[in-house]
Amino acid sequence: MGQKNAETRQKRRKKRLSLFYILGGGILKEDFIVKHTRMIVLVVLLIFFFIGNRYTCMQKLREIDRLQQQLRDVRFEALSISSELTGNNRQSQVELLIEEQGIELETAKNPPYELHK
């Protein structure tokens, strides 16, 4: 009789481990699952929360990287424009631009002087 009980236990274990048993929902009737349903639901909810949190974090990191790259581009452009304006403010460059435009202006021959009251 002891051998028959051992054989039936092995058959039950095999039945419990079959794919059809798991996919059919039979595993949900197991004592362990029924006793710990609340804990299992809590763990599943926490897993979903952590996955969502990680996804949001990754999106924000991508946005930060994109904005840092955009900031680098804007800084480079501002530096380029600043150096160009500095070059254009030189007296020789201003005289050249006036000459190219055909504007009839000449450099003053006399130095400027102040009038005092």
PDB file of N, CA and C in Angstrom:
ATOM      1  N   MET A   1       0.805  -1.183   0.000  1.00  0.00           N
ATOM      2  CA  MET A   1       0.000   0.000   0.000  1.00  0.00           C
ATOM      3  C   MET A   1       0.857   1.259   0.000  1.00  0.00           C
ATOM      4  N   GLY A   2       2.025   1.206   0.623  1.00  0.00           N
ATOM      5  CA  GLY A   2       2.928   2.340   0.677  1.00  0.00           C
ATOM      6  C   GLY A   2       3.426   2.721  -0.709  1.00  0.00           C
ATOM      7  N   GLN A   3       3.576   1.671  -1.559  1.00  0.00           N
ATOM      8  CA  GLN A   3       4.052   1.956  -2.903  1.00  0.00           C
ATOM      9  C   GLN A   3       2.979   2.624  -3.738  1.00  0.00           C
ATOM     10  N   LYS A   4       1.741   2.305  -3.516  1.00  0.00           N
ATOM     11  CA  LYS A   4       0.650   2.910  -4.284  1.00  0.00           C
ATOM     12  C   LYS A   4       0.533   4.401  -3.935  1.00  0.00           C
ATOM     13  N   ASN A   5       0.678   4.742  -2.661  1.00  0.00           N
ATOM     14  CA  ASN A   5       0.625   6.151  -2.260  1.00  0.00           C
ATOM     15  C   ASN A   5       1.784   6.937  -2.877  1.00  0.00           C
ATOM     16  N   ALA A   6       2.950   6.319  -2.908  1.00  0.00           N
ATOM     17  CA  ALA A   6       4.122   6.981  -3.498  1.00  0.00           C
ATOM     18  C   ALA A   6       3.916   7.176  -4.993  1.00  0.00           C
ATOM     19  N   GLU A   7       3.323   6.180  -5.641  1.00  0.00           N
ATOM     20  CA  GLU A   7       3.072   6.291  -7.083  1.00  0.00           C
ATOM     21  C   GLU A   7       2.030   7.360  -7.379  1.00  0.00           C
ATOM     22  N   THR A   8       0.991   7.439  -6.565  1.00  0.00           N
ATOM     23  CA  THR A   8      -0.037   8.464  -6.806  1.00  0.00           C
ATOM     24  C   THR A   8       0.526   9.863  -6.551  1.00  0.00           C
ATOM     25  N   ARG A   9       1.431   9.975  -5.567  1.00  0.00           N
ATOM     26  CA  ARG A   9       2.065  11.275  -5.312  1.00  0.00           C
ATOM     27  C   ARG A   9       2.913  11.706  -6.508  1.00  0.00           C
ATOM     28  N   GLN A  10       3.639  10.745  -7.076  1.00  0.00           N
ATOM     29  CA  GLN A  10       4.473  11.074  -8.239  1.00  0.00           C
ATOM     30  C   GLN A  10       3.598  11.471  -9.424  1.00  0.00           C
ATOM     31  N   LYS A  11       2.488  10.796  -9.601  1.00  0.00           N
ATOM     32  CA  LYS A  11       1.585  11.141 -10.704  1.00  0.00           C
ATOM     33  C   LYS A  11       1.011  12.547 -10.499  1.00  0.00           C
ATOM     34  N   ARG A  12       0.665  12.877  -9.255  1.00  0.00           N
ATOM     35  CA  ARG A  12       0.140  14.218  -8.957  1.00  0.00           C
ATOM     36  C   ARG A  12       1.205  15.287  -9.230  1.00  0.00           C
ATOM     37  N   ARG A  13       2.428  14.987  -8.827  1.00  0.00           N
ATOM     38  CA  ARG A  13       3.519  15.955  -9.060  1.00  0.00           C
ATOM     39  C   ARG A  13       3.728  16.159 -10.553  1.00  0.00           C
ATOM     40  N   LYS A  14       3.716  15.079 -11.306  1.00  0.00           N
ATOM     41  CA  LYS A  14       3.865  15.196 -12.755  1.00  0.00           C
ATOM     42  C   LYS A  14       2.707  15.989 -13.337  1.00  0.00           C
ATOM     43  N   LYS A  15       1.506  15.733 -12.822  1.00  0.00           N
ATOM     44  CA  LYS A  15       0.327  16.442 -13.301  1.00  0.00           C
ATOM     45  C   LYS A  15       0.446  17.928 -12.949  1.00  0.00           C
ATOM     46  N   ARG A  16       0.954  18.217 -11.770  1.00  0.00           N
ATOM     47  CA  ARG A  16       1.104  19.602 -11.333  1.00  0.00           C
ATOM     48  C   ARG A  16       2.129  20.351 -12.171  1.00  0.00           C
ATOM     49  N   LEU A  17       3.135  19.678 -12.647  1.00  0.00           N
ATOM     50  CA  LEU A  17       4.196  20.328 -13.387  1.00  0.00           C
ATOM     51  C   LEU A  17       3.944  20.374 -14.895  1.00  0.00           C
ATOM     52  N   SER A  18       2.839  19.811 -15.358  1.00  0.00           N
ATOM     53  CA  SER A  18       2.592  19.810 -16.800  1.00  0.00           C
ATOM     54  C   SER A  18       2.210  21.214 -17.266  1.00  0.00           C
ATOM     55  N   LEU A  19       2.509  21.503 -18.489  1.00  0.00           N
ATOM     56  CA  LEU A  19       2.244  22.815 -19.080  1.00  0.00           C
ATOM     57  C   LEU A  19       0.748  23.092 -19.127  1.00  0.00           C
ATOM     58  N   PHE A  20      -0.025  22.082 -19.461  1.00  0.00           N
ATOM     59  CA  PHE A  20      -1.481  22.263 -19.531  1.00  0.00           C
ATOM     60  C   PHE A  20      -2.053  22.592 -18.151  1.00  0.00           C
ATOM     61  N   TYR A  21      -1.496  21.984 -17.129  1.00  0.00           N
ATOM     62  CA  TYR A  21      -1.963  22.237 -15.758  1.00  0.00           C
ATOM     63  C   TYR A  21      -1.692  23.692 -15.365  1.00  0.00           C
ATOM     64  N   ILE A  22      -0.509  24.196 -15.723  1.00  0.00           N
ATOM     65  CA  ILE A  22      -0.156  25.573 -15.371  1.00  0.00           C
ATOM     66  C   ILE A  22      -0.972  26.559 -16.193  1.00  0.00           C
ATOM     67  N   LEU A  23      -1.031  26.349 -17.520  1.00  0.00           N
ATOM     68  CA  LEU A  23      -1.770  27.273 -18.386  1.00  0.00           C
ATOM     69  C   LEU A  23      -3.276  27.179 -18.196  1.00  0.00           C
ATOM     70  N   GLY A  24      -3.752  26.020 -17.777  1.00  0.00           N
ATOM     71  CA  GLY A  24      -5.186  25.841 -17.557  1.00  0.00           C
ATOM     72  C   GLY A  24      -5.679  26.501 -16.281  1.00  0.00           C
ATOM     73  N   GLY A  25      -4.765  26.926 -15.422  1.00  0.00           N
ATOM     74  CA  GLY A  25      -5.156  27.605 -14.199  1.00  0.00           C
ATOM     75  C   GLY A  25      -5.244  26.700 -12.997  1.00  0.00           C
ATOM     76  N   GLY A  26      -4.891  25.457 -13.139  1.00  0.00           N
ATOM     77  CA  GLY A  26      -4.939  24.522 -12.027  1.00  0.00           C
ATOM     78  C   GLY A  26      -3.961  24.887 -10.928  1.00  0.00           C
ATOM     79  N   ILE A  27      -2.885  25.515 -11.308  1.00  0.00           N
ATOM     80  CA  ILE A  27      -1.883  25.905 -10.308  1.00  0.00           C
ATOM     81  C   ILE A  27      -2.435  26.949  -9.348  1.00  0.00           C
ATOM     82  N   LEU A  28      -3.434  27.701  -9.797  1.00  0.00           N
ATOM     83  CA  LEU A  28      -4.030  28.729  -8.933  1.00  0.00           C
ATOM     84  C   LEU A  28      -4.838  28.123  -7.786  1.00  0.00           C
ATOM     85  N   LYS A  29      -5.130  26.853  -7.869  1.00  0.00           N
ATOM     86  CA  LYS A  29      -5.889  26.177  -6.815  1.00  0.00           C
ATOM     87  C   LYS A  29      -4.971  25.557  -5.761  1.00  0.00           C
ATOM     88  N   GLU A  30      -3.692  25.620  -5.953  1.00  0.00           N
ATOM     89  CA  GLU A  30      -2.744  25.047  -5.000  1.00  0.00           C
ATOM     90  C   GLU A  30      -2.854  25.773  -3.664  1.00  0.00           C
ATOM     91  N   ASP A  31      -2.582  25.054  -2.585  1.00  0.00           N
ATOM     92  CA  ASP A  31      -2.697  25.615  -1.233  1.00  0.00           C
ATOM     93  C   ASP A  31      -1.757  26.800  -1.029  1.00  0.00           C
ATOM     94  N   PHE A  32      -0.539  26.688  -1.505  1.00  0.00           N
ATOM     95  CA  PHE A  32       0.430  27.770  -1.325  1.00  0.00           C
ATOM     96  C   PHE A  32      -0.057  29.057  -1.993  1.00  0.00           C
ATOM     97  N   ILE A  33      -0.557  28.953  -3.203  1.00  0.00           N
ATOM     98  CA  ILE A  33      -1.037  30.126  -3.949  1.00  0.00           C
ATOM     99  C   ILE A  33      -2.244  30.734  -3.252  1.00  0.00           C
ATOM    100  N   VAL A  34      -3.154  29.905  -2.804  1.00  0.00           N
ATOM    101  CA  VAL A  34      -4.368  30.407  -2.151  1.00  0.00           C
ATOM    102  C   VAL A  34      -4.021  31.095  -0.835  1.00  0.00           C
ATOM    103  N   LYS A  35      -3.095  30.545  -0.073  1.00  0.00           N
ATOM    104  CA  LYS A  35      -2.733  31.121   1.216  1.00  0.00           C
ATOM    105  C   LYS A  35      -1.987  32.446   1.070  1.00  0.00           C
ATOM    106  N   HIS A  36      -1.215  32.598   0.017  1.00  0.00           N
ATOM    107  CA  HIS A  36      -0.365  33.772  -0.144  1.00  0.00           C
ATOM    108  C   HIS A  36      -0.815  34.687  -1.288  1.00  0.00           C
ATOM    109  N   THR A  37      -2.094  34.696  -1.571  1.00  0.00           N
ATOM    110  CA  THR A  37      -2.613  35.493  -2.679  1.00  0.00           C
ATOM    111  C   THR A  37      -2.319  36.978  -2.490  1.00  0.00           C
ATOM    112  N   ARG A  38      -2.538  37.504  -1.306  1.00  0.00           N
ATOM    113  CA  ARG A  38      -2.321  38.935  -1.068  1.00  0.00           C
ATOM    114  C   ARG A  38      -0.858  39.315  -1.283  1.00  0.00           C
ATOM    115  N   MET A  39       0.023  38.494  -0.781  1.00  0.00           N
ATOM    116  CA  MET A  39       1.450  38.775  -0.941  1.00  0.00           C
ATOM    117  C   MET A  39       1.853  38.717  -2.408  1.00  0.00           C
ATOM    118  N   ILE A  40       1.335  37.755  -3.140  1.00  0.00           N
ATOM    119  CA  ILE A  40       1.655  37.627  -4.566  1.00  0.00           C
ATOM    120  C   ILE A  40       1.145  38.849  -5.336  1.00  0.00           C
ATOM    121  N   VAL A  41      -0.065  39.279  -5.021  1.00  0.00           N
ATOM    122  CA  VAL A  41      -0.624  40.471  -5.684  1.00  0.00           C
ATOM    123  C   VAL A  41       0.220  41.693  -5.355  1.00  0.00           C
ATOM    124  N   LEU A  42       0.649  41.836  -4.105  1.00  0.00           N
ATOM    125  CA  LEU A  42       1.498  42.958  -3.707  1.00  0.00           C
ATOM    126  C   LEU A  42       2.826  42.944  -4.463  1.00  0.00           C
ATOM    127  N   VAL A  43       3.429  41.777  -4.567  1.00  0.00           N
ATOM    128  CA  VAL A  43       4.709  41.666  -5.280  1.00  0.00           C
ATOM    129  C   VAL A  43       4.527  42.019  -6.755  1.00  0.00           C
ATOM    130  N   VAL A  44       3.459  41.547  -7.363  1.00  0.00           N
ATOM    131  CA  VAL A  44       3.205  41.859  -8.773  1.00  0.00           C
ATOM    132  C   VAL A  44       2.993  43.365  -8.959  1.00  0.00           C
ATOM    133  N   LEU A  45       2.240  43.995  -8.077  1.00  0.00           N
ATOM    134  CA  LEU A  45       2.024  45.442  -8.166  1.00  0.00           C
ATOM    135  C   LEU A  45       3.334  46.215  -8.000  1.00  0.00           C
ATOM    136  N   LEU A  46       4.164  45.778  -7.055  1.00  0.00           N
ATOM    137  CA  LEU A  46       5.462  46.427  -6.876  1.00  0.00           C
ATOM    138  C   LEU A  46       6.351  46.263  -8.112  1.00  0.00           C
ATOM    139  N   ILE A  47       6.294  45.102  -8.722  1.00  0.00           N
ATOM    140  CA  ILE A  47       7.071  44.881  -9.952  1.00  0.00           C
ATOM    141  C   ILE A  47       6.609  45.834 -11.041  1.00  0.00           C
ATOM    142  N   PHE A  48       5.286  45.971 -11.215  1.00  0.00           N
ATOM    143  CA  PHE A  48       4.766  46.914 -12.222  1.00  0.00           C
ATOM    144  C   PHE A  48       5.185  48.343 -11.890  1.00  0.00           C
ATOM    145  N   PHE A  49       5.137  48.707 -10.617  1.00  0.00           N
ATOM    146  CA  PHE A  49       5.538  50.056 -10.207  1.00  0.00           C
ATOM    147  C   PHE A  49       7.008  50.308 -10.534  1.00  0.00           C
ATOM    148  N   PHE A  50       7.876  49.365 -10.212  1.00  0.00           N
ATOM    149  CA  PHE A  50       9.301  49.541 -10.474  1.00  0.00           C
ATOM    150  C   PHE A  50       9.602  49.589 -11.969  1.00  0.00           C
ATOM    151  N   ILE A  51       8.919  48.780 -12.747  1.00  0.00           N
ATOM    152  CA  ILE A  51       9.120  48.806 -14.203  1.00  0.00           C
ATOM    153  C   ILE A  51       8.686  50.162 -14.763  1.00  0.00           C
ATOM    154  N   GLY A  52       7.530  50.655 -14.321  1.00  0.00           N
ATOM    155  CA  GLY A  52       7.064  51.966 -14.784  1.00  0.00           C
ATOM    156  C   GLY A  52       7.995  53.083 -14.355  1.00  0.00           C
ATOM    157  N   ASN A  53       8.489  52.993 -13.127  1.00  0.00           N
ATOM    158  CA  ASN A  53       9.415  54.000 -12.623  1.00  0.00           C
ATOM    159  C   ASN A  53      10.706  54.005 -13.433  1.00  0.00           C
ATOM    160  N   ARG A  54      11.212  52.844 -13.757  1.00  0.00           N
ATOM    161  CA  ARG A  54      12.439  52.755 -14.557  1.00  0.00           C
ATOM    162  C   ARG A  54      12.203  53.326 -15.952  1.00  0.00           C
ATOM    163  N   TYR A  55      11.071  53.033 -16.540  1.00  0.00           N
ATOM    164  CA  TYR A  55      10.751  53.547 -17.876  1.00  0.00           C
ATOM    165  C   TYR A  55      10.707  55.074 -17.856  1.00  0.00           C
ATOM    166  N   THR A  56      10.053  55.647 -16.851  1.00  0.00           N
ATOM    167  CA  THR A  56       9.978  57.104 -16.726  1.00  0.00           C
ATOM    168  C   THR A  56      11.366  57.700 -16.524  1.00  0.00           C
ATOM    169  N   CYS A  57      12.163  57.057 -15.710  1.00  0.00           N
ATOM    170  CA  CYS A  57      13.531  57.525 -15.449  1.00  0.00           C
ATOM    171  C   CYS A  57      14.357  57.503 -16.738  1.00  0.00           C
ATOM    172  N   MET A  58      14.258  56.447 -17.510  1.00  0.00           N
ATOM    173  CA  MET A  58      15.007  56.360 -18.760  1.00  0.00           C
ATOM    174  C   MET A  58      14.567  57.440 -19.741  1.00  0.00           C
ATOM    175  N   GLN A  59      13.266  57.736 -19.802  1.00  0.00           N
ATOM    176  CA  GLN A  59      12.785  58.809 -20.672  1.00  0.00           C
ATOM    177  C   GLN A  59      13.366  60.147 -20.247  1.00  0.00           C
ATOM    178  N   LYS A  60      13.400  60.405 -18.951  1.00  0.00           N
ATOM    179  CA  LYS A  60      13.937  61.676 -18.464  1.00  0.00           C
ATOM    180  C   LYS A  60      15.439  61.773 -18.725  1.00  0.00           C
ATOM    181  N   LEU A  61      16.165  60.682 -18.591  1.00  0.00           N
ATOM    182  CA  LEU A  61      17.596  60.695 -18.887  1.00  0.00           C
ATOM    183  C   LEU A  61      17.849  60.981 -20.370  1.00  0.00           C
ATOM    184  N   ARG A  62      17.031  60.396 -21.247  1.00  0.00           N
ATOM    185  CA  ARG A  62      17.169  60.691 -22.678  1.00  0.00           C
ATOM    186  C   ARG A  62      16.896  62.162 -22.957  1.00  0.00           C
ATOM    187  N   GLU A  63      15.876  62.718 -22.306  1.00  0.00           N
ATOM    188  CA  GLU A  63      15.546  64.133 -22.475  1.00  0.00           C
ATOM    189  C   GLU A  63      16.692  65.016 -21.968  1.00  0.00           C
ATOM    190  N   ILE A  64      17.294  64.655 -20.849  1.00  0.00           N
ATOM    191  CA  ILE A  64      18.428  65.419 -20.306  1.00  0.00           C
ATOM    192  C   ILE A  64      19.599  65.384 -21.285  1.00  0.00           C
ATOM    193  N   ASP A  65      19.897  64.218 -21.846  1.00  0.00           N
ATOM    194  CA  ASP A  65      20.985  64.108 -22.818  1.00  0.00           C
ATOM    195  C   ASP A  65      20.710  64.962 -24.049  1.00  0.00           C
ATOM    196  N   ARG A  66      19.463  64.925 -24.523  1.00  0.00           N
ATOM    197  CA  ARG A  66      19.102  65.716 -25.703  1.00  0.00           C
ATOM    198  C   ARG A  66      19.255  67.206 -25.411  1.00  0.00           C
ATOM    199  N   LEU A  67      18.804  67.639 -24.241  1.00  0.00           N
ATOM    200  CA  LEU A  67      18.904  69.054 -23.888  1.00  0.00           C
ATOM    201  C   LEU A  67      20.358  69.487 -23.671  1.00  0.00           C
ATOM    202  N   GLN A  68      21.192  68.608 -23.116  1.00  0.00           N
ATOM    203  CA  GLN A  68      22.606  68.941 -22.949  1.00  0.00           C
ATOM    204  C   GLN A  68      23.288  69.101 -24.303  1.00  0.00           C
ATOM    205  N   GLN A  69      22.950  68.244 -25.253  1.00  0.00           N
ATOM    206  CA  GLN A  69      23.515  68.361 -26.598  1.00  0.00           C
ATOM    207  C   GLN A  69      23.053  69.659 -27.247  1.00  0.00           C
ATOM    208  N   GLN A  70      21.786  69.995 -27.082  1.00  0.00           N
ATOM    209  CA  GLN A  70      21.249  71.234 -27.631  1.00  0.00           C
ATOM    210  C   GLN A  70      21.944  72.438 -26.983  1.00  0.00           C
ATOM    211  N   LEU A  71      22.203  72.374 -25.683  1.00  0.00           N
ATOM    212  CA  LEU A  71      22.897  73.453 -24.987  1.00  0.00           C
ATOM    213  C   LEU A  71      24.320  73.620 -25.523  1.00  0.00           C
ATOM    214  N   ARG A  72      25.013  72.507 -25.757  1.00  0.00           N
ATOM    215  CA  ARG A  72      26.367  72.584 -26.314  1.00  0.00           C
ATOM    216  C   ARG A  72      26.346  73.248 -27.695  1.00  0.00           C
ATOM    217  N   ASP A  73      25.354  72.890 -28.511  1.00  0.00           N
ATOM    218  CA  ASP A  73      25.245  73.480 -29.847  1.00  0.00           C
ATOM    219  C   ASP A  73      24.984  74.975 -29.770  1.00  0.00           C
ATOM    220  N   VAL A  74      24.097  75.384 -28.884  1.00  0.00           N
ATOM    221  CA  VAL A  74      23.761  76.806 -28.749  1.00  0.00           C
ATOM    222  C   VAL A  74      24.964  77.582 -28.208  1.00  0.00           C
ATOM    223  N   ARG A  75      25.687  77.012 -27.259  1.00  0.00           N
ATOM    224  CA  ARG A  75      26.884  77.693 -26.740  1.00  0.00           C
ATOM    225  C   ARG A  75      27.930  77.875 -27.832  1.00  0.00           C
ATOM    226  N   PHE A  76      28.127  76.855 -28.647  1.00  0.00           N
ATOM    227  CA  PHE A  76      29.091  76.954 -29.744  1.00  0.00           C
ATOM    228  C   PHE A  76      28.658  78.028 -30.735  1.00  0.00           C
ATOM    229  N   GLU A  77      27.374  78.048 -31.056  1.00  0.00           N
ATOM    230  CA  GLU A  77      26.858  79.056 -31.988  1.00  0.00           C
ATOM    231  C   GLU A  77      27.017  80.457 -31.409  1.00  0.00           C
ATOM    232  N   ALA A  78      26.733  80.637 -30.123  1.00  0.00           N
ATOM    233  CA  ALA A  78      26.893  81.948 -29.484  1.00  0.00           C
ATOM    234  C   ALA A  78      28.363  82.372 -29.488  1.00  0.00           C
ATOM    235  N   LEU A  79      29.258  81.440 -29.239  1.00  0.00           N
ATOM    236  CA  LEU A  79      30.685  81.747 -29.258  1.00  0.00           C
ATOM    237  C   LEU A  79      31.138  82.152 -30.659  1.00  0.00           C
ATOM    238  N   SER A  80      30.636  81.455 -31.668  1.00  0.00           N
ATOM    239  CA  SER A  80      30.982  81.788 -33.051  1.00  0.00           C
ATOM    240  C   SER A  80      30.487  83.179 -33.423  1.00  0.00           C
ATOM    241  N   ILE A  81      29.246  83.483 -33.062  1.00  0.00           N
ATOM    242  CA  ILE A  81      28.680  84.803 -33.373  1.00  0.00           C
ATOM    243  C   ILE A  81      29.430  85.888 -32.618  1.00  0.00           C
ATOM    244  N   SER A  82      29.772  85.637 -31.370  1.00  0.00           N
ATOM    245  CA  SER A  82      30.500  86.621 -30.572  1.00  0.00           C
ATOM    246  C   SER A  82      31.869  86.919 -31.175  1.00  0.00           C
ATOM    247  N   SER A  83      32.573  85.887 -31.598  1.00  0.00           N
ATOM    248  CA  SER A  83      33.892  86.113 -32.195  1.00  0.00           C
ATOM    249  C   SER A  83      33.763  86.834 -33.534  1.00  0.00           C
ATOM    250  N   GLU A  84      32.722  86.532 -34.281  1.00  0.00           N
ATOM    251  CA  GLU A  84      32.491  87.226 -35.558  1.00  0.00           C
ATOM    252  C   GLU A  84      32.200  88.704 -35.332  1.00  0.00           C
ATOM    253  N   LEU A  85      31.377  89.016 -34.332  1.00  0.00           N
ATOM    254  CA  LEU A  85      31.068  90.409 -34.022  1.00  0.00           C
ATOM    255  C   LEU A  85      32.294  91.152 -33.506  1.00  0.00           C
ATOM    256  N   THR A  86      33.102  90.472 -32.718  1.00  0.00           N
ATOM    257  CA  THR A  86      34.330  91.092 -32.225  1.00  0.00           C
ATOM    258  C   THR A  86      35.245  91.436 -33.398  1.00  0.00           C
ATOM    259  N   GLY A  87      35.327  90.550 -34.358  1.00  0.00           N
ATOM    260  CA  GLY A  87      36.151  90.814 -35.553  1.00  0.00           C
ATOM    261  C   GLY A  87      35.595  91.958 -36.379  1.00  0.00           C
ATOM    262  N   ASN A  88      34.272  92.056 -36.464  1.00  0.00           N
ATOM    263  CA  ASN A  88      33.648  93.123 -37.257  1.00  0.00           C
ATOM    264  C   ASN A  88      33.749  94.476 -36.577  1.00  0.00           C
ATOM    265  N   ASN A  89      34.012  94.545 -35.299  1.00  0.00           N
ATOM    266  CA  ASN A  89      34.093  95.816 -34.583  1.00  0.00           C
ATOM    267  C   ASN A  89      35.465  96.473 -34.701  1.00  0.00           C
ATOM    268  N   ARG A  90      36.434  95.812 -35.254  1.00  0.00           N
ATOM    269  CA  ARG A  90      37.753  96.423 -35.438  1.00  0.00           C
ATOM    270  C   ARG A  90      37.634  97.577 -36.429  1.00  0.00           C
ATOM    271  N   GLN A  91      38.425  98.602 -36.212  1.00  0.00           N
ATOM    272  CA  GLN A  91      38.337  99.798 -37.057  1.00  0.00           C
ATOM    273  C   GLN A  91      38.656  99.464 -38.512  1.00  0.00           C
ATOM    274  N   SER A  92      39.655  98.641 -38.743  1.00  0.00           N
ATOM    275  CA  SER A  92      40.015  98.301 -40.121  1.00  0.00           C
ATOM    276  C   SER A  92      38.873  97.551 -40.810  1.00  0.00           C
ATOM    277  N   GLN A  93      38.209  96.681 -40.072  1.00  0.00           N
ATOM    278  CA  GLN A  93      37.099  95.925 -40.644  1.00  0.00           C
ATOM    279  C   GLN A  93      35.915  96.846 -40.933  1.00  0.00           C
ATOM    280  N   VAL A  94      35.654  97.819 -40.053  1.00  0.00           N
ATOM    281  CA  VAL A  94      34.559  98.766 -40.271  1.00  0.00           C
ATOM    282  C   VAL A  94      34.855  99.608 -41.506  1.00  0.00           C
ATOM    283  N   GLU A  95      36.101 100.062 -41.648  1.00  0.00           N
ATOM    284  CA  GLU A  95      36.466 100.850 -42.822  1.00  0.00           C
ATOM    285  C   GLU A  95      36.300 100.033 -44.093  1.00  0.00           C
ATOM    286  N   LEU A  96      36.679  98.764 -44.060  1.00  0.00           N
ATOM    287  CA  LEU A  96      36.526  97.892 -45.231  1.00  0.00           C
ATOM    288  C   LEU A  96      35.057  97.715 -45.585  1.00  0.00           C
ATOM    289  N   LEU A  97      34.204  97.490 -44.588  1.00  0.00           N
ATOM    290  CA  LEU A  97      32.763  97.328 -44.847  1.00  0.00           C
ATOM    291  C   LEU A  97      32.156  98.614 -45.423  1.00  0.00           C
ATOM    292  N   ILE A  98      32.569  99.779 -44.922  1.00  0.00           N
ATOM    293  CA  ILE A  98      32.059 101.050 -45.435  1.00  0.00           C
ATOM    294  C   ILE A  98      32.480 101.224 -46.886  1.00  0.00           C
ATOM    295  N   GLU A  99      33.708 100.868 -47.171  1.00  0.00           N
ATOM    296  CA  GLU A  99      34.214 100.980 -48.542  1.00  0.00           C
ATOM    297  C   GLU A  99      33.460 100.045 -49.471  1.00  0.00           C
ATOM    298  N   GLU A 100      33.202  98.810 -49.039  1.00  0.00           N
ATOM    299  CA  GLU A 100      32.478  97.835 -49.863  1.00  0.00           C
ATOM    300  C   GLU A 100      31.047  98.292 -50.137  1.00  0.00           C
ATOM    301  N   GLN A 101      30.414  98.919 -49.161  1.00  0.00           N
ATOM    302  CA  GLN A 101      29.030  99.374 -49.313  1.00  0.00           C
ATOM    303  C   GLN A 101      28.936 100.638 -50.180  1.00  0.00           C
ATOM    304  N   GLY A 102      30.042 101.279 -50.389  1.00  0.00           N
ATOM    305  CA  GLY A 102      30.029 102.489 -51.211  1.00  0.00           C
ATOM    306  C   GLY A 102      29.533 103.706 -50.455  1.00  0.00           C
ATOM    307  N   ILE A 103      29.595 103.697 -49.147  1.00  0.00           N
ATOM    308  CA  ILE A 103      29.159 104.826 -48.332  1.00  0.00           C
ATOM    309  C   ILE A 103      30.295 105.849 -48.309  1.00  0.00           C
ATOM    310  N   GLU A 104      29.938 107.096 -48.497  1.00  0.00           N
ATOM    311  CA  GLU A 104      30.940 108.154 -48.593  1.00  0.00           C
ATOM    312  C   GLU A 104      31.276 108.686 -47.210  1.00  0.00           C
ATOM    313  N   LEU A 105      32.046 107.940 -46.470  1.00  0.00           N
ATOM    314  CA  LEU A 105      32.527 108.362 -45.158  1.00  0.00           C
ATOM    315  C   LEU A 105      34.037 108.262 -45.149  1.00  0.00           C
ATOM    316  N   GLU A 106      34.654 109.142 -44.403  1.00  0.00           N
ATOM    317  CA  GLU A 106      36.099 109.112 -44.287  1.00  0.00           C
ATOM    318  C   GLU A 106      36.474 109.095 -42.815  1.00  0.00           C
ATOM    319  N   THR A 107      37.656 108.617 -42.552  1.00  0.00           N
ATOM    320  CA  THR A 107      38.170 108.633 -41.194  1.00  0.00           C
ATOM    321  C   THR A 107      38.552 110.062 -40.843  1.00  0.00           C
ATOM    322  N   ALA A 108      38.251 110.463 -39.639  1.00  0.00           N
ATOM    323  CA  ALA A 108      38.553 111.830 -39.211  1.00  0.00           C
ATOM    324  C   ALA A 108      40.067 112.043 -39.193  1.00  0.00           C
ATOM    325  N   LYS A 109      40.475 113.197 -39.720  1.00  0.00           N
ATOM    326  CA  LYS A 109      41.897 113.530 -39.746  1.00  0.00           C
ATOM    327  C   LYS A 109      42.334 114.147 -38.413  1.00  0.00           C
ATOM    328  N   ASN A 110      41.412 114.866 -37.756  1.00  0.00           N
ATOM    329  CA  ASN A 110      41.693 115.507 -36.492  1.00  0.00           C
ATOM    330  C   ASN A 110      41.167 114.649 -35.349  1.00  0.00           C
ATOM    331  N   PRO A 111      41.883 114.566 -34.251  1.00  0.00           N
ATOM    332  CA  PRO A 111      41.371 113.791 -33.113  1.00  0.00           C
ATOM    333  C   PRO A 111      40.164 114.495 -32.506  1.00  0.00           C
ATOM    334  N   PRO A 112      39.260 113.757 -31.881  1.00  0.00           N
ATOM    335  CA  PRO A 112      38.091 114.372 -31.260  1.00  0.00           C
ATOM    336  C   PRO A 112      38.510 115.240 -30.075  1.00  0.00           C
ATOM    337  N   TYR A 113      37.692 116.231 -29.776  1.00  0.00           N
ATOM    338  CA  TYR A 113      37.987 117.094 -28.625  1.00  0.00           C
ATOM    339  C   TYR A 113      36.710 117.351 -27.876  1.00  0.00           C
ATOM    340  N   GLU A 114      36.837 117.684 -26.592  1.00  0.00           N
ATOM    341  CA  GLU A 114      35.679 117.909 -25.724  1.00  0.00           C
ATOM    342  C   GLU A 114      35.427 119.388 -25.547  1.00  0.00           C
ATOM    343  N   LEU A 115      34.184 119.739 -25.435  1.00  0.00           N
ATOM    344  CA  LEU A 115      33.790 121.100 -25.119  1.00  0.00           C
ATOM    345  C   LEU A 115      33.373 121.135 -23.665  1.00  0.00           C
ATOM    346  N   HIS A 116      33.950 122.049 -22.908  1.00  0.00           N
ATOM    347  CA  HIS A 116      33.625 122.176 -21.498  1.00  0.00           C
ATOM    348  C   HIS A 116      32.717 123.369 -21.297  1.00  0.00           C
ATOM    349  N   LYS A 117      31.860 123.324 -20.339  1.00  0.00           N
ATOM    350  CA  LYS A 117      30.966 124.445 -20.045  1.00  0.00           C
ATOM    351  C   LYS A 117      31.605 125.400 -19.125  1.00  0.00           C
TER     352      LYS A 117
END
